[in-house]
Amino acid sequence: MAYIDEINESIARAARLGLKSPNFQAVEGELLTQKVYQDIPYIVRDALGDVGAEEVAAQCLSYHMRLLPILSDYFRTELTYTIGYVSMGKETLFEQSEEQMKALLETGIENPQLQIHAWLTLPTCEIMDFTLPTTYAVVNKTKEGYGSVLAGHADRLLNNVQYRPMLLGEDYLRRIGALIEFRMF
């Protein structure tokens, strides 16, 4: 199934679950150019500081939430916070079914260790994942992927990697208690 079809199914899934979903308008073309690949490390560093692997590994929800407005400004277009799972050949990481999502909406989370992943989707159906390569390297005790960004068109990623969107936006995370808003008085 093409990534845009999975995005459209994510929007339908959100409606079935009674969740808000951001408006996603796919556009042709590519936003991830060689210049972008050169700029991104500096944009992230300037926005978040020098972040260690411990702060990146297994922190996909908050890390991508913090990068969303910064990168939307950089690209001058709305990026979409995307929740789902990743397939790498026969291995599936962070998969959560619609039934499991529905159950969490009813009960909320009890354990902060969610079996879920988040990344950013550009309107061109290109994705940017700032945490998976480092998380994978830390978990597998390897240097390969450490500090890397996985980016490219979702339908053309290398090494049989497939991003599977389940929901768009953060409404689900707020509703299950995985995302807390802090307000300054």
C-alpha atoms as a PDB file:
ATOM      1  CA  MET A   1       0.000   0.000   0.000  1.00  0.00           C
ATOM      2  CA  ALA A   2       1.343   3.454  -0.879  1.00  0.00           C
ATOM      3  CA  TYR A   3       2.155   5.790   2.004  1.00  0.00           C
ATOM      4  CA  ILE A   4      -0.515   8.307   0.938  1.00  0.00           C
ATOM      5  CA  ASP A   5      -3.099   5.513   1.116  1.00  0.00           C
ATOM      6  CA  GLU A   6      -1.912   4.690   4.636  1.00  0.00           C
ATOM      7  CA  ILE A   7      -2.147   8.392   5.558  1.00  0.00           C
ATOM      8  CA  ASN A   8      -5.742   8.451   4.296  1.00  0.00           C
ATOM      9  CA  GLU A   9      -6.496   5.290   6.306  1.00  0.00           C
ATOM     10  CA  SER A  10      -4.979   7.017   9.372  1.00  0.00           C
ATOM     11  CA  ILE A  11      -7.449   9.868   8.950  1.00  0.00           C
ATOM     12  CA  ALA A  12     -10.333   7.381   8.643  1.00  0.00           C
ATOM     13  CA  ARG A  13      -9.038   5.477  11.720  1.00  0.00           C
ATOM     14  CA  ALA A  14      -8.987   8.713  13.737  1.00  0.00           C
ATOM     15  CA  ALA A  15     -12.619   9.329  12.798  1.00  0.00           C
ATOM     16  CA  ARG A  16     -13.569   5.783  13.852  1.00  0.00           C
ATOM     17  CA  LEU A  17     -11.831   6.340  17.196  1.00  0.00           C
ATOM     18  CA  GLY A  18     -13.408   9.777  17.698  1.00  0.00           C
ATOM     19  CA  LEU A  19     -10.072  11.586  17.438  1.00  0.00           C
ATOM     20  CA  LYS A  20      -9.122  14.859  15.803  1.00  0.00           C
ATOM     21  CA  SER A  21      -6.776  14.553  12.859  1.00  0.00           C
ATOM     22  CA  PRO A  22      -4.883  17.384  11.186  1.00  0.00           C
ATOM     23  CA  ASN A  23      -5.736  18.169   7.608  1.00  0.00           C
ATOM     24  CA  PHE A  24      -3.172  16.497   5.334  1.00  0.00           C
ATOM     25  CA  GLN A  25      -2.857  17.755   1.779  1.00  0.00           C
ATOM     26  CA  ALA A  26      -0.345  15.771  -0.254  1.00  0.00           C
ATOM     27  CA  VAL A  27       1.722  17.654  -2.800  1.00  0.00           C
ATOM     28  CA  GLU A  28       4.012  16.502  -5.589  1.00  0.00           C
ATOM     29  CA  GLY A  29       7.742  17.013  -5.506  1.00  0.00           C
ATOM     30  CA  GLU A  30      10.522  16.677  -2.992  1.00  0.00           C
ATOM     31  CA  LEU A  31      11.430  18.925  -0.097  1.00  0.00           C
ATOM     32  CA  LEU A  32      14.367  16.861   1.154  1.00  0.00           C
ATOM     33  CA  THR A  33      17.217  18.257  -0.909  1.00  0.00           C
ATOM     34  CA  GLN A  34      20.966  18.042  -0.394  1.00  0.00           C
ATOM     35  CA  LYS A  35      20.849  21.522   1.185  1.00  0.00           C
ATOM     36  CA  VAL A  36      18.225  20.334   3.668  1.00  0.00           C
ATOM     37  CA  TYR A  37      20.401  17.367   4.651  1.00  0.00           C
ATOM     38  CA  GLN A  38      23.257  19.805   5.259  1.00  0.00           C
ATOM     39  CA  ASP A  39      21.105  22.301   7.210  1.00  0.00           C
ATOM     40  CA  ILE A  40      19.126  19.926   9.440  1.00  0.00           C
ATOM     41  CA  PRO A  41      21.872  19.011  11.957  1.00  0.00           C
ATOM     42  CA  TYR A  42      22.496  22.718  12.633  1.00  0.00           C
ATOM     43  CA  ILE A  43      18.789  23.541  12.846  1.00  0.00           C
ATOM     44  CA  VAL A  44      18.242  20.761  15.380  1.00  0.00           C
ATOM     45  CA  ARG A  45      21.337  21.726  17.381  1.00  0.00           C
ATOM     46  CA  ASP A  46      20.362  25.409  17.426  1.00  0.00           C
ATOM     47  CA  ALA A  47      16.807  24.569  18.492  1.00  0.00           C
ATOM     48  CA  LEU A  48      17.449  21.814  21.042  1.00  0.00           C
ATOM     49  CA  GLY A  49      21.124  22.161  21.945  1.00  0.00           C
ATOM     50  CA  ASP A  50      23.642  19.350  21.872  1.00  0.00           C
ATOM     51  CA  VAL A  51      21.435  16.414  22.729  1.00  0.00           C
ATOM     52  CA  GLY A  52      23.007  13.141  23.838  1.00  0.00           C
ATOM     53  CA  ALA A  53      21.946   9.733  22.604  1.00  0.00           C
ATOM     54  CA  GLU A  54      20.256   9.026  25.943  1.00  0.00           C
ATOM     55  CA  GLU A  55      17.930  11.978  25.344  1.00  0.00           C
ATOM     56  CA  VAL A  56      17.138  10.828  21.809  1.00  0.00           C
ATOM     57  CA  ALA A  57      16.816   7.060  22.308  1.00  0.00           C
ATOM     58  CA  ALA A  58      13.251   5.994  23.085  1.00  0.00           C
ATOM     59  CA  GLN A  59      12.054   9.621  23.190  1.00  0.00           C
ATOM     60  CA  CYS A  60      10.376   9.788  19.792  1.00  0.00           C
ATOM     61  CA  LEU A  61       7.092  11.233  21.042  1.00  0.00           C
ATOM     62  CA  SER A  62       8.505  14.310  22.750  1.00  0.00           C
ATOM     63  CA  TYR A  63      11.515  14.761  20.464  1.00  0.00           C
ATOM     64  CA  HIS A  64       9.443  14.962  17.285  1.00  0.00           C
ATOM     65  CA  MET A  65       6.839  17.123  19.030  1.00  0.00           C
ATOM     66  CA  ARG A  66       9.563  19.653  19.864  1.00  0.00           C
ATOM     67  CA  LEU A  67      10.946  19.590  16.314  1.00  0.00           C
ATOM     68  CA  LEU A  68       7.574  19.942  14.571  1.00  0.00           C
ATOM     69  CA  PRO A  69       7.187  23.746  14.769  1.00  0.00           C
ATOM     70  CA  ILE A  70      10.887  24.372  14.118  1.00  0.00           C
ATOM     71  CA  LEU A  71      10.960  22.267  10.961  1.00  0.00           C
ATOM     72  CA  SER A  72       7.559  23.534   9.791  1.00  0.00           C
ATOM     73  CA  ASP A  73       9.076  27.033   9.936  1.00  0.00           C
ATOM     74  CA  TYR A  74      12.205  25.881   8.131  1.00  0.00           C
ATOM     75  CA  PHE A  75      10.274  24.247   5.284  1.00  0.00           C
ATOM     76  CA  ARG A  76       7.631  27.019   5.297  1.00  0.00           C
ATOM     77  CA  THR A  77       4.919  24.389   5.201  1.00  0.00           C
ATOM     78  CA  GLU A  78       3.029  22.337   7.739  1.00  0.00           C
ATOM     79  CA  LEU A  79       4.689  19.068   8.705  1.00  0.00           C
ATOM     80  CA  THR A  80       2.513  16.367  10.232  1.00  0.00           C
ATOM     81  CA  TYR A  81       3.216  14.638  13.520  1.00  0.00           C
ATOM     82  CA  THR A  82       2.696  10.981  12.658  1.00  0.00           C
ATOM     83  CA  ILE A  83       2.125   8.037  15.010  1.00  0.00           C
ATOM     84  CA  GLY A  84       2.534   4.454  13.918  1.00  0.00           C
ATOM     85  CA  TYR A  85       5.028   1.650  13.544  1.00  0.00           C
ATOM     86  CA  VAL A  86       7.981   0.647  11.414  1.00  0.00           C
ATOM     87  CA  SER A  87       8.617  -2.551   9.439  1.00  0.00           C
ATOM     88  CA  MET A  88      12.180  -3.535   8.623  1.00  0.00           C
ATOM     89  CA  GLY A  89      12.048  -6.673   6.522  1.00  0.00           C
ATOM     90  CA  LYS A  90      10.436  -9.328   8.735  1.00  0.00           C
ATOM     91  CA  GLU A  91      10.910  -7.267  11.894  1.00  0.00           C
ATOM     92  CA  THR A  92       8.155  -4.923  13.099  1.00  0.00           C
ATOM     93  CA  LEU A  93       8.892  -2.239  15.666  1.00  0.00           C
ATOM     94  CA  PHE A  94       6.406  -0.415  17.903  1.00  0.00           C
ATOM     95  CA  GLU A  95       3.279  -1.912  16.375  1.00  0.00           C
ATOM     96  CA  GLN A  96       0.000  -1.063  18.038  1.00  0.00           C
ATOM     97  CA  SER A  97      -3.294  -2.208  16.543  1.00  0.00           C
ATOM     98  CA  GLU A  98      -6.437  -0.126  16.244  1.00  0.00           C
ATOM     99  CA  GLU A  99      -8.010  -2.348  18.908  1.00  0.00           C
ATOM    100  CA  GLN A 100      -5.127  -1.640  21.295  1.00  0.00           C
ATOM    101  CA  MET A 101      -5.486   2.073  20.586  1.00  0.00           C
ATOM    102  CA  LYS A 102      -9.201   1.908  21.300  1.00  0.00           C
ATOM    103  CA  ALA A 103      -8.524   0.130  24.604  1.00  0.00           C
ATOM    104  CA  LEU A 104      -5.994   2.774  25.649  1.00  0.00           C
ATOM    105  CA  LEU A 105      -8.500   5.496  24.820  1.00  0.00           C
ATOM    106  CA  GLU A 106     -10.876   3.838  27.292  1.00  0.00           C
ATOM    107  CA  THR A 107      -8.362   3.153  30.080  1.00  0.00           C
ATOM    108  CA  GLY A 108      -5.499   5.594  29.568  1.00  0.00           C
ATOM    109  CA  ILE A 109      -1.897   4.540  29.998  1.00  0.00           C
ATOM    110  CA  GLU A 110      -0.665   2.854  33.141  1.00  0.00           C
ATOM    111  CA  ASN A 111       2.909   2.328  31.991  1.00  0.00           C
ATOM    112  CA  PRO A 112       4.966   5.121  30.395  1.00  0.00           C
ATOM    113  CA  GLN A 113       6.594   2.521  28.099  1.00  0.00           C
ATOM    114  CA  LEU A 114       4.249   2.715  25.108  1.00  0.00           C
ATOM    115  CA  GLN A 115       4.650   0.364  22.162  1.00  0.00           C
ATOM    116  CA  ILE A 116       4.330   3.232  19.690  1.00  0.00           C
ATOM    117  CA  HIS A 117       6.509   5.375  17.468  1.00  0.00           C
ATOM    118  CA  ALA A 118       6.319   8.911  16.063  1.00  0.00           C
ATOM    119  CA  TRP A 119       7.980  10.755  13.200  1.00  0.00           C
ATOM    120  CA  LEU A 120       7.334  13.762  10.992  1.00  0.00           C
ATOM    121  CA  THR A 121       5.676  13.569   7.575  1.00  0.00           C
ATOM    122  CA  LEU A 122       6.168  16.294   5.004  1.00  0.00           C
ATOM    123  CA  PRO A 123       3.313  17.089   2.582  1.00  0.00           C
ATOM    124  CA  THR A 124       5.355  15.341  -0.139  1.00  0.00           C
ATOM    125  CA  CYS A 125       5.014  12.039   1.790  1.00  0.00           C
ATOM    126  CA  GLU A 126       8.667  12.255   2.724  1.00  0.00           C
ATOM    127  CA  ILE A 127       9.391  11.318   6.325  1.00  0.00           C
ATOM    128  CA  MET A 128      11.936  12.457   8.881  1.00  0.00           C
ATOM    129  CA  ASP A 129      12.728  10.259  11.863  1.00  0.00           C
ATOM    130  CA  PHE A 130      15.278  11.681  14.264  1.00  0.00           C
ATOM    131  CA  THR A 131      15.111   8.938  16.897  1.00  0.00           C
ATOM    132  CA  LEU A 132      14.783   5.452  15.409  1.00  0.00           C
ATOM    133  CA  PRO A 133      18.376   5.019  14.162  1.00  0.00           C
ATOM    134  CA  THR A 134      19.831   6.077  17.533  1.00  0.00           C
ATOM    135  CA  THR A 135      17.300   4.055  19.524  1.00  0.00           C
ATOM    136  CA  TYR A 136      18.078   1.000  17.403  1.00  0.00           C
ATOM    137  CA  ALA A 137      21.836   1.537  17.893  1.00  0.00           C
ATOM    138  CA  VAL A 138      21.489   1.923  21.674  1.00  0.00           C
ATOM    139  CA  VAL A 139      19.223  -1.118  22.060  1.00  0.00           C
ATOM    140  CA  ASN A 140      21.451  -3.294  19.853  1.00  0.00           C
ATOM    141  CA  LYS A 141      24.692  -1.907  21.330  1.00  0.00           C
ATOM    142  CA  THR A 142      26.104  -0.879  17.964  1.00  0.00           C
ATOM    143  CA  LYS A 143      27.489   2.341  16.537  1.00  0.00           C
ATOM    144  CA  GLU A 144      25.648   1.873  13.232  1.00  0.00           C
ATOM    145  CA  GLY A 145      22.872   4.457  13.019  1.00  0.00           C
ATOM    146  CA  TYR A 146      23.989   6.269  16.168  1.00  0.00           C
ATOM    147  CA  GLY A 147      23.078   9.955  15.782  1.00  0.00           C
ATOM    148  CA  SER A 148      21.561   9.434  12.319  1.00  0.00           C
ATOM    149  CA  VAL A 149      18.325  10.694  10.835  1.00  0.00           C
ATOM    150  CA  LEU A 150      16.198   8.426   8.690  1.00  0.00           C
ATOM    151  CA  ALA A 151      14.713  10.611   5.975  1.00  0.00           C
ATOM    152  CA  GLY A 152      13.331  10.216   2.486  1.00  0.00           C
ATOM    153  CA  HIS A 153      10.182   9.513   0.561  1.00  0.00           C
ATOM    154  CA  ALA A 154       8.211   6.941   2.551  1.00  0.00           C
ATOM    155  CA  ASP A 155       7.609   4.783  -0.523  1.00  0.00           C
ATOM    156  CA  ARG A 156      11.296   4.663  -1.449  1.00  0.00           C
ATOM    157  CA  LEU A 157      13.235   4.061   1.761  1.00  0.00           C
ATOM    158  CA  LEU A 158      16.253   1.772   1.591  1.00  0.00           C
ATOM    159  CA  ASN A 159      16.807  -1.590   3.300  1.00  0.00           C
ATOM    160  CA  ASN A 160      13.134  -2.570   3.089  1.00  0.00           C
ATOM    161  CA  VAL A 161      12.178  -0.018   5.786  1.00  0.00           C
ATOM    162  CA  GLN A 162       8.489   0.892   5.745  1.00  0.00           C
ATOM    163  CA  TYR A 163       6.796   3.490   7.907  1.00  0.00           C
ATOM    164  CA  ARG A 164       3.198   2.582   8.749  1.00  0.00           C
ATOM    165  CA  PRO A 165       1.143   5.565   9.931  1.00  0.00           C
ATOM    166  CA  MET A 166      -1.723   4.755  12.282  1.00  0.00           C
ATOM    167  CA  LEU A 167      -2.774   8.267  13.380  1.00  0.00           C
ATOM    168  CA  LEU A 168      -1.902  11.871  12.573  1.00  0.00           C
ATOM    169  CA  GLY A 169      -1.431  14.613  15.154  1.00  0.00           C
ATOM    170  CA  GLU A 170      -1.216  14.401  18.907  1.00  0.00           C
ATOM    171  CA  ASP A 171      -4.884  14.103  19.943  1.00  0.00           C
ATOM    172  CA  TYR A 172      -4.497  10.369  20.677  1.00  0.00           C
ATOM    173  CA  LEU A 173      -1.477  10.982  22.924  1.00  0.00           C
ATOM    174  CA  ARG A 174      -3.317  13.680  24.872  1.00  0.00           C
ATOM    175  CA  ARG A 175      -6.412  11.525  25.292  1.00  0.00           C
ATOM    176  CA  ILE A 176      -4.511   8.502  26.667  1.00  0.00           C
ATOM    177  CA  GLY A 177      -2.409  10.649  29.012  1.00  0.00           C
ATOM    178  CA  ALA A 178       0.911  10.248  27.190  1.00  0.00           C
ATOM    179  CA  LEU A 179       1.285  13.946  26.427  1.00  0.00           C
ATOM    180  CA  ILE A 180       0.988  16.559  29.108  1.00  0.00           C
ATOM    181  CA  GLU A 181       0.721  20.259  28.363  1.00  0.00           C
ATOM    182  CA  PHE A 182       2.553  22.644  30.651  1.00  0.00           C
ATOM    183  CA  ARG A 183       1.258  26.174  30.855  1.00  0.00           C
ATOM    184  CA  MET A 184       3.133  29.107  32.354  1.00  0.00           C
ATOM    185  CA  PHE A 185       1.156  31.347  34.696  1.00  0.00           C
END
